[in-house]
Amino acid sequence: MPELKDVPVVVFGNKVDKKEALKEEEFREVMNLPFHLTKGKEPSSFNPGAKANIEVFMCSVKARAGYSDGF
């Protein structure tokens, strides 16, 4: 879908407050979103080689952590 090429996409890895939760690196591997393919979290360090405008944010709604970063 080329028309969505520039639309930002956020992928949330939720439940990080649980001890059995995946670490970000493991989550990225499962989702096939390695660091070199995603956009970057900081505007000052965007990845120019990113294949799409997509980024992963690990979060816990229960702990109120991480999800606001994605928004």
C-alpha atoms as a PDB file:
ATOM      1  CA  MET A   1       0.000   0.000   0.000  1.00  0.00           C
ATOM      2  CA  PRO A   2       2.195   2.833  -1.217  1.00  0.00           C
ATOM      3  CA  GLU A   3      -0.353   5.462  -0.136  1.00  0.00           C
ATOM      4  CA  LEU A   4       0.442   4.596   3.503  1.00  0.00           C
ATOM      5  CA  LYS A   5       4.218   4.938   3.094  1.00  0.00           C
ATOM      6  CA  ASP A   6       4.471   8.172   5.100  1.00  0.00           C
ATOM      7  CA  VAL A   7       1.782   7.426   7.696  1.00  0.00           C
ATOM      8  CA  PRO A   8       3.359   6.939  11.146  1.00  0.00           C
ATOM      9  CA  VAL A   9       2.704   3.534  12.707  1.00  0.00           C
ATOM     10  CA  VAL A  10       3.229   2.792  16.396  1.00  0.00           C
ATOM     11  CA  VAL A  11       3.611  -0.785  17.630  1.00  0.00           C
ATOM     12  CA  PHE A  12       3.090  -1.141  21.367  1.00  0.00           C
ATOM     13  CA  GLY A  13       4.668  -3.988  23.304  1.00  0.00           C
ATOM     14  CA  ASN A  14       2.340  -4.062  26.313  1.00  0.00           C
ATOM     15  CA  LYS A  15       2.453  -5.799  29.694  1.00  0.00           C
ATOM     16  CA  VAL A  16       6.119  -5.000  30.391  1.00  0.00           C
ATOM     17  CA  ASP A  17       5.220  -4.855  34.083  1.00  0.00           C
ATOM     18  CA  LYS A  18       4.925  -8.663  34.057  1.00  0.00           C
ATOM     19  CA  LYS A  19       8.072 -10.652  34.838  1.00  0.00           C
ATOM     20  CA  GLU A  20       7.509 -12.962  31.847  1.00  0.00           C
ATOM     21  CA  ALA A  21       7.201 -10.051  29.398  1.00  0.00           C
ATOM     22  CA  LEU A  22       9.535  -9.966  26.420  1.00  0.00           C
ATOM     23  CA  LYS A  23      12.362  -7.446  26.401  1.00  0.00           C
ATOM     24  CA  GLU A  24      12.236  -4.930  23.560  1.00  0.00           C
ATOM     25  CA  GLU A  25      14.884  -6.778  21.550  1.00  0.00           C
ATOM     26  CA  GLU A  26      12.940 -10.061  21.850  1.00  0.00           C
ATOM     27  CA  PHE A  27       9.663  -8.333  20.964  1.00  0.00           C
ATOM     28  CA  ARG A  28      11.253  -6.753  17.898  1.00  0.00           C
ATOM     29  CA  GLU A  29      12.565 -10.136  16.793  1.00  0.00           C
ATOM     30  CA  VAL A  30       9.132 -11.777  17.128  1.00  0.00           C
ATOM     31  CA  MET A  31       7.475  -8.881  15.281  1.00  0.00           C
ATOM     32  CA  ASN A  32      10.257  -8.809  12.637  1.00  0.00           C
ATOM     33  CA  LEU A  33      10.953  -5.130  13.392  1.00  0.00           C
ATOM     34  CA  PRO A  34      14.703  -4.894  14.018  1.00  0.00           C
ATOM     35  CA  PHE A  35      16.159  -1.511  14.983  1.00  0.00           C
ATOM     36  CA  HIS A  36      17.655  -0.919  11.547  1.00  0.00           C
ATOM     37  CA  LEU A  37      14.204  -1.126   9.872  1.00  0.00           C
ATOM     38  CA  THR A  38      12.340   1.252  12.204  1.00  0.00           C
ATOM     39  CA  LYS A  39      12.262   5.039  12.216  1.00  0.00           C
ATOM     40  CA  GLY A  40      13.736   5.860  15.632  1.00  0.00           C
ATOM     41  CA  LYS A  41      12.159   7.333  18.728  1.00  0.00           C
ATOM     42  CA  GLU A  42      13.908  10.691  18.840  1.00  0.00           C
ATOM     43  CA  PRO A  43      13.394  13.242  16.053  1.00  0.00           C
ATOM     44  CA  SER A  44      17.071  14.163  16.305  1.00  0.00           C
ATOM     45  CA  SER A  45      18.151  10.585  15.575  1.00  0.00           C
ATOM     46  CA  PHE A  46      15.701   9.326  12.952  1.00  0.00           C
ATOM     47  CA  ASN A  47      17.006   6.349  11.008  1.00  0.00           C
ATOM     48  CA  PRO A  48      17.413   7.430   7.364  1.00  0.00           C
ATOM     49  CA  GLY A  49      17.544   3.773   6.296  1.00  0.00           C
ATOM     50  CA  ALA A  50      14.158   2.884   7.795  1.00  0.00           C
ATOM     51  CA  LYS A  51      11.918   0.917   5.425  1.00  0.00           C
ATOM     52  CA  ALA A  52       8.741   2.516   6.824  1.00  0.00           C
ATOM     53  CA  ASN A  53       7.579   5.187   9.249  1.00  0.00           C
ATOM     54  CA  ILE A  54       7.162   2.651  12.075  1.00  0.00           C
ATOM     55  CA  GLU A  55       8.485   2.429  15.631  1.00  0.00           C
ATOM     56  CA  VAL A  56       8.168   0.102  18.628  1.00  0.00           C
ATOM     57  CA  PHE A  57       7.317   1.363  22.112  1.00  0.00           C
ATOM     58  CA  MET A  58       7.314  -0.926  25.121  1.00  0.00           C
ATOM     59  CA  CYS A  59       4.670  -0.006  27.683  1.00  0.00           C
ATOM     60  CA  SER A  60       2.546  -0.883  30.661  1.00  0.00           C
ATOM     61  CA  VAL A  61      -0.847   0.747  31.009  1.00  0.00           C
ATOM     62  CA  LYS A  62      -1.091  -0.618  34.553  1.00  0.00           C
ATOM     63  CA  ALA A  63       2.199   1.037  35.542  1.00  0.00           C
ATOM     64  CA  ARG A  64       1.388   4.091  33.386  1.00  0.00           C
ATOM     65  CA  ALA A  65       4.695   3.815  31.602  1.00  0.00           C
ATOM     66  CA  GLY A  66       5.769   4.014  27.976  1.00  0.00           C
ATOM     67  CA  TYR A  67       2.468   4.410  26.166  1.00  0.00           C
ATOM     68  CA  SER A  68       2.530   8.229  26.199  1.00  0.00           C
ATOM     69  CA  ASP A  69       5.869   8.090  24.351  1.00  0.00           C
ATOM     70  CA  GLY A  70       4.132   6.453  21.398  1.00  0.00           C
ATOM     71  CA  PHE A  71       1.521   9.159  21.208  1.00  0.00           C
END
